[in-house]
Amino acid sequence: METLLFKDWESSLNVLICASISFLTAFLFIRISGKRTLAKLTAFDFVVTVTLGSTLSSMILGKTVLIDGAIALIIIISLQYALAFFAQRSKTMEQVINTKPTLMFYDGQFLEKNMEKEFVTKEEVYAAIREFRLYRMEDVLAVVMELNGQLSVVKRSLLPTEQHSLSDIDELD
């Protein structure tokens, strides 16, 4: 008789074996694929992470044959790297895969239109500034919503320079 807590020893042993092999397989593939698979998540990376998790779940619960799950993991990670490779070499592909950073605050002004578009409040901008341990708003040049949704604070520099970290933001052109 099957209950909610226990089916039989055979299915429990199957889950034990599948979970162990699936975990080790996923660990091996992620280790081989490198840091990008574990990076802070952009929308692109989030899709990859959810897909990897779903595949791993199917493997652990025996819904997918282990070799099929391993092949799926290889395909997912390979596609992630192929798309990242093409995005690195093609501006068009980069724009398809990733969003652009968005200014929320610049040179003493909250950029209300951008904040509305990204659903960011002034309180969130202030929180990001405090997180960067800045007290005076005069010390803040910009607050940027990055590709992964995090808010970055750019401290005002004492020396002007031609090269700066805001060069990829359209509003400054």
C-alpha atoms as a PDB file:
ATOM      1  CA  MET A   1       0.000   0.000   0.000  1.00  0.00           C
ATOM      2  CA  GLU A   2       1.378   3.355  -1.051  1.00  0.00           C
ATOM      3  CA  THR A   3       1.194   6.283   1.334  1.00  0.00           C
ATOM      4  CA  LEU A   4       2.245   9.902   1.220  1.00  0.00           C
ATOM      5  CA  LEU A   5       5.401   9.219   3.236  1.00  0.00           C
ATOM      6  CA  PHE A   6       6.640   5.905   1.813  1.00  0.00           C
ATOM      7  CA  LYS A   7       6.055   3.963  -1.382  1.00  0.00           C
ATOM      8  CA  ASP A   8       8.495   1.069  -1.233  1.00  0.00           C
ATOM      9  CA  TRP A   9      12.181   0.366  -0.695  1.00  0.00           C
ATOM     10  CA  GLU A  10      12.834  -0.023  -4.415  1.00  0.00           C
ATOM     11  CA  SER A  11      11.660   3.501  -5.261  1.00  0.00           C
ATOM     12  CA  SER A  12      13.568   4.941  -2.275  1.00  0.00           C
ATOM     13  CA  LEU A  13      16.740   3.178  -3.423  1.00  0.00           C
ATOM     14  CA  ASN A  14      16.121   4.467  -6.960  1.00  0.00           C
ATOM     15  CA  VAL A  15      15.878   8.064  -5.687  1.00  0.00           C
ATOM     16  CA  LEU A  16      19.047   7.581  -3.608  1.00  0.00           C
ATOM     17  CA  ILE A  17      20.995   6.343  -6.615  1.00  0.00           C
ATOM     18  CA  CYS A  18      19.519   8.886  -9.059  1.00  0.00           C
ATOM     19  CA  ALA A  19      20.057  11.811  -6.664  1.00  0.00           C
ATOM     20  CA  SER A  20      23.680  10.850  -6.047  1.00  0.00           C
ATOM     21  CA  ILE A  21      24.532  10.331  -9.703  1.00  0.00           C
ATOM     22  CA  SER A  22      22.565  13.418 -10.815  1.00  0.00           C
ATOM     23  CA  PHE A  23      24.209  15.638  -8.222  1.00  0.00           C
ATOM     24  CA  LEU A  24      27.697  14.450  -9.123  1.00  0.00           C
ATOM     25  CA  THR A  25      26.956  14.802 -12.853  1.00  0.00           C
ATOM     26  CA  ALA A  26      25.598  18.347 -12.443  1.00  0.00           C
ATOM     27  CA  PHE A  27      28.541  19.272 -10.196  1.00  0.00           C
ATOM     28  CA  LEU A  28      31.012  17.917 -12.753  1.00  0.00           C
ATOM     29  CA  PHE A  29      29.374  19.737 -15.673  1.00  0.00           C
ATOM     30  CA  ILE A  30      29.113  23.022 -13.785  1.00  0.00           C
ATOM     31  CA  ARG A  31      32.728  22.695 -12.651  1.00  0.00           C
ATOM     32  CA  ILE A  32      33.826  22.098 -16.250  1.00  0.00           C
ATOM     33  CA  SER A  33      31.661  24.917 -17.630  1.00  0.00           C
ATOM     34  CA  GLY A  34      33.216  27.478 -15.294  1.00  0.00           C
ATOM     35  CA  LYS A  35      32.164  30.627 -13.522  1.00  0.00           C
ATOM     36  CA  ARG A  36      29.553  31.950 -15.961  1.00  0.00           C
ATOM     37  CA  THR A  37      27.100  29.219 -14.972  1.00  0.00           C
ATOM     38  CA  LEU A  38      27.314  30.468 -11.373  1.00  0.00           C
ATOM     39  CA  ALA A  39      27.485  34.191 -12.099  1.00  0.00           C
ATOM     40  CA  LYS A  40      25.059  36.732 -10.744  1.00  0.00           C
ATOM     41  CA  LEU A  41      21.983  36.197 -12.784  1.00  0.00           C
ATOM     42  CA  THR A  42      20.961  38.149 -15.835  1.00  0.00           C
ATOM     43  CA  ALA A  43      17.634  37.138 -17.395  1.00  0.00           C
ATOM     44  CA  PHE A  44      19.611  34.871 -19.730  1.00  0.00           C
ATOM     45  CA  ASP A  45      21.471  33.199 -16.849  1.00  0.00           C
ATOM     46  CA  PHE A  46      18.239  32.866 -14.852  1.00  0.00           C
ATOM     47  CA  VAL A  47      16.649  30.843 -17.663  1.00  0.00           C
ATOM     48  CA  VAL A  48      19.712  28.585 -17.763  1.00  0.00           C
ATOM     49  CA  THR A  49      19.648  28.111 -13.972  1.00  0.00           C
ATOM     50  CA  VAL A  50      15.942  27.260 -13.876  1.00  0.00           C
ATOM     51  CA  THR A  51      16.355  24.847 -16.787  1.00  0.00           C
ATOM     52  CA  LEU A  52      19.328  23.156 -15.112  1.00  0.00           C
ATOM     53  CA  GLY A  53      17.360  22.861 -11.866  1.00  0.00           C
ATOM     54  CA  SER A  54      14.335  21.400 -13.599  1.00  0.00           C
ATOM     55  CA  THR A  55      16.457  18.868 -15.469  1.00  0.00           C
ATOM     56  CA  LEU A  56      18.303  17.907 -12.302  1.00  0.00           C
ATOM     57  CA  SER A  57      14.986  17.494 -10.486  1.00  0.00           C
ATOM     58  CA  SER A  58      13.695  15.166 -13.198  1.00  0.00           C
ATOM     59  CA  MET A  59      16.902  13.153 -12.994  1.00  0.00           C
ATOM     60  CA  ILE A  60      16.758  12.873  -9.194  1.00  0.00           C
ATOM     61  CA  LEU A  61      13.136  11.749  -9.153  1.00  0.00           C
ATOM     62  CA  GLY A  62      13.730   9.239 -11.920  1.00  0.00           C
ATOM     63  CA  LYS A  63      11.376  10.987 -14.361  1.00  0.00           C
ATOM     64  CA  THR A  64      14.245  11.148 -16.839  1.00  0.00           C
ATOM     65  CA  VAL A  65      16.743   8.416 -17.594  1.00  0.00           C
ATOM     66  CA  LEU A  66      20.105   9.506 -16.173  1.00  0.00           C
ATOM     67  CA  ILE A  67      21.944   9.455 -19.509  1.00  0.00           C
ATOM     68  CA  ASP A  68      19.171  11.566 -21.091  1.00  0.00           C
ATOM     69  CA  GLY A  69      19.405  14.012 -18.193  1.00  0.00           C
ATOM     70  CA  ALA A  70      23.183  14.197 -18.545  1.00  0.00           C
ATOM     71  CA  ILE A  71      22.800  14.897 -22.268  1.00  0.00           C
ATOM     72  CA  ALA A  72      20.236  17.613 -21.459  1.00  0.00           C
ATOM     73  CA  LEU A  73      22.653  19.221 -18.953  1.00  0.00           C
ATOM     74  CA  ILE A  74      25.413  19.203 -21.572  1.00  0.00           C
ATOM     75  CA  ILE A  75      23.085  20.784 -24.151  1.00  0.00           C
ATOM     76  CA  ILE A  76      21.861  23.498 -21.749  1.00  0.00           C
ATOM     77  CA  ILE A  77      25.383  24.478 -20.673  1.00  0.00           C
ATOM     78  CA  SER A  78      26.663  24.291 -24.270  1.00  0.00           C
ATOM     79  CA  LEU A  79      23.838  26.549 -25.483  1.00  0.00           C
ATOM     80  CA  GLN A  80      24.599  28.999 -22.689  1.00  0.00           C
ATOM     81  CA  TYR A  81      28.215  29.194 -23.768  1.00  0.00           C
ATOM     82  CA  ALA A  82      27.417  29.299 -27.480  1.00  0.00           C
ATOM     83  CA  LEU A  83      25.023  32.214 -27.010  1.00  0.00           C
ATOM     84  CA  ALA A  84      27.505  33.995 -24.704  1.00  0.00           C
ATOM     85  CA  PHE A  85      30.244  33.407 -27.310  1.00  0.00           C
ATOM     86  CA  PHE A  86      28.127  34.937 -30.089  1.00  0.00           C
ATOM     87  CA  ALA A  87      27.026  37.810 -27.836  1.00  0.00           C
ATOM     88  CA  GLN A  88      30.665  38.579 -27.151  1.00  0.00           C
ATOM     89  CA  ARG A  89      31.390  38.817 -30.875  1.00  0.00           C
ATOM     90  CA  SER A  90      28.175  40.420 -32.143  1.00  0.00           C
ATOM     91  CA  LYS A  91      26.617  43.633 -30.870  1.00  0.00           C
ATOM     92  CA  THR A  92      23.231  42.549 -32.269  1.00  0.00           C
ATOM     93  CA  MET A  93      23.381  39.222 -30.432  1.00  0.00           C
ATOM     94  CA  GLU A  94      24.476  41.025 -27.257  1.00  0.00           C
ATOM     95  CA  GLN A  95      21.397  43.258 -27.489  1.00  0.00           C
ATOM     96  CA  VAL A  96      19.122  40.237 -28.027  1.00  0.00           C
ATOM     97  CA  ILE A  97      20.509  38.330 -25.028  1.00  0.00           C
ATOM     98  CA  ASN A  98      21.206  41.099 -22.521  1.00  0.00           C
ATOM     99  CA  THR A  99      19.457  44.302 -21.589  1.00  0.00           C
ATOM    100  CA  LYS A 100      21.293  47.595 -21.248  1.00  0.00           C
ATOM    101  CA  PRO A 101      22.168  49.140 -17.903  1.00  0.00           C
ATOM    102  CA  THR A 102      19.808  51.968 -16.927  1.00  0.00           C
ATOM    103  CA  LEU A 103      20.614  55.158 -15.040  1.00  0.00           C
ATOM    104  CA  MET A 104      18.375  55.750 -12.023  1.00  0.00           C
ATOM    105  CA  PHE A 105      20.220  58.759 -10.605  1.00  0.00           C
ATOM    106  CA  TYR A 106      22.798  60.991 -12.263  1.00  0.00           C
ATOM    107  CA  ASP A 107      24.649  64.102 -11.121  1.00  0.00           C
ATOM    108  CA  GLY A 108      22.251  64.987  -8.315  1.00  0.00           C
ATOM    109  CA  GLN A 109      19.026  64.134 -10.164  1.00  0.00           C
ATOM    110  CA  PHE A 110      16.683  61.171  -9.883  1.00  0.00           C
ATOM    111  CA  LEU A 111      15.761  60.055 -13.396  1.00  0.00           C
ATOM    112  CA  GLU A 112      12.037  59.558 -12.824  1.00  0.00           C
ATOM    113  CA  LYS A 113      11.253  58.246 -16.324  1.00  0.00           C
ATOM    114  CA  ASN A 114      13.885  55.507 -16.031  1.00  0.00           C
ATOM    115  CA  MET A 115      12.812  54.695 -12.481  1.00  0.00           C
ATOM    116  CA  GLU A 116       9.195  54.281 -13.604  1.00  0.00           C
ATOM    117  CA  LYS A 117      10.234  52.100 -16.535  1.00  0.00           C
ATOM    118  CA  GLU A 118      12.240  49.787 -14.235  1.00  0.00           C
ATOM    119  CA  PHE A 119       9.794  50.000 -11.277  1.00  0.00           C
ATOM    120  CA  VAL A 120      12.437  51.425  -8.927  1.00  0.00           C
ATOM    121  CA  THR A 121      11.590  53.757  -6.052  1.00  0.00           C
ATOM    122  CA  LYS A 122      13.669  56.564  -4.572  1.00  0.00           C
ATOM    123  CA  GLU A 123      13.869  54.533  -1.373  1.00  0.00           C
ATOM    124  CA  GLU A 124      15.558  51.702  -3.286  1.00  0.00           C
ATOM    125  CA  VAL A 125      18.070  54.145  -4.757  1.00  0.00           C
ATOM    126  CA  TYR A 126      18.795  55.569  -1.307  1.00  0.00           C
ATOM    127  CA  ALA A 127      19.194  52.025   0.054  1.00  0.00           C
ATOM    128  CA  ALA A 128      21.729  51.214  -2.674  1.00  0.00           C
ATOM    129  CA  ILE A 129      23.677  54.373  -1.851  1.00  0.00           C
ATOM    130  CA  ARG A 130      23.717  53.454   1.849  1.00  0.00           C
ATOM    131  CA  GLU A 131      24.795  49.934   0.962  1.00  0.00           C
ATOM    132  CA  PHE A 132      27.844  51.475  -0.703  1.00  0.00           C
ATOM    133  CA  ARG A 133      28.509  53.298   2.588  1.00  0.00           C
ATOM    134  CA  LEU A 134      27.966  56.781   1.217  1.00  0.00           C
ATOM    135  CA  TYR A 135      26.283  59.432   3.323  1.00  0.00           C
ATOM    136  CA  ARG A 136      26.398  62.601   1.250  1.00  0.00           C
ATOM    137  CA  MET A 137      24.449  62.635  -2.012  1.00  0.00           C
ATOM    138  CA  GLU A 138      27.113  64.993  -3.396  1.00  0.00           C
ATOM    139  CA  ASP A 139      29.512  62.026  -3.292  1.00  0.00           C
ATOM    140  CA  VAL A 140      27.299  60.059  -5.695  1.00  0.00           C
ATOM    141  CA  LEU A 141      27.758  60.560  -9.418  1.00  0.00           C
ATOM    142  CA  ALA A 142      25.325  57.865 -10.543  1.00  0.00           C
ATOM    143  CA  VAL A 143      23.168  54.921  -9.557  1.00  0.00           C
ATOM    144  CA  VAL A 144      22.795  52.322 -12.295  1.00  0.00           C
ATOM    145  CA  MET A 145      20.460  49.346 -12.601  1.00  0.00           C
ATOM    146  CA  GLU A 146      22.743  46.653 -13.971  1.00  0.00           C
ATOM    147  CA  LEU A 147      21.920  43.805 -16.358  1.00  0.00           C
ATOM    148  CA  ASN A 148      21.167  41.507 -13.413  1.00  0.00           C
ATOM    149  CA  GLY A 149      18.791  43.981 -11.738  1.00  0.00           C
ATOM    150  CA  GLN A 150      21.195  45.101  -9.027  1.00  0.00           C
ATOM    151  CA  LEU A 151      21.729  48.767  -8.303  1.00  0.00           C
ATOM    152  CA  SER A 152      25.343  49.932  -8.515  1.00  0.00           C
ATOM    153  CA  VAL A 153      26.552  53.219  -7.135  1.00  0.00           C
ATOM    154  CA  VAL A 154      29.287  55.175  -8.883  1.00  0.00           C
ATOM    155  CA  LYS A 155      31.131  57.486  -6.530  1.00  0.00           C
ATOM    156  CA  ARG A 156      31.976  60.947  -7.804  1.00  0.00           C
ATOM    157  CA  SER A 157      35.635  61.079  -8.764  1.00  0.00           C
ATOM    158  CA  LEU A 158      37.868  63.977  -7.908  1.00  0.00           C
ATOM    159  CA  LEU A 159      39.653  63.806 -11.239  1.00  0.00           C
ATOM    160  CA  PRO A 160      37.751  63.906 -14.548  1.00  0.00           C
ATOM    161  CA  THR A 161      38.683  61.191 -17.019  1.00  0.00           C
ATOM    162  CA  GLU A 162      37.792  60.227 -20.578  1.00  0.00           C
ATOM    163  CA  GLN A 163      37.394  56.544 -19.740  1.00  0.00           C
ATOM    164  CA  HIS A 164      34.736  55.723 -17.163  1.00  0.00           C
ATOM    165  CA  SER A 165      32.423  52.929 -16.058  1.00  0.00           C
ATOM    166  CA  LEU A 166      29.314  54.657 -17.434  1.00  0.00           C
ATOM    167  CA  SER A 167      30.433  54.599 -21.062  1.00  0.00           C
ATOM    168  CA  ASP A 168      27.955  51.819 -22.003  1.00  0.00           C
ATOM    169  CA  ILE A 169      24.887  53.797 -20.928  1.00  0.00           C
ATOM    170  CA  ASP A 170      22.955  55.420 -23.763  1.00  0.00           C
ATOM    171  CA  GLU A 171      21.602  58.369 -21.731  1.00  0.00           C
ATOM    172  CA  LEU A 172      25.105  59.829 -21.453  1.00  0.00           C
ATOM    173  CA  ASP A 173      25.769  59.927 -25.215  1.00  0.00           C
END
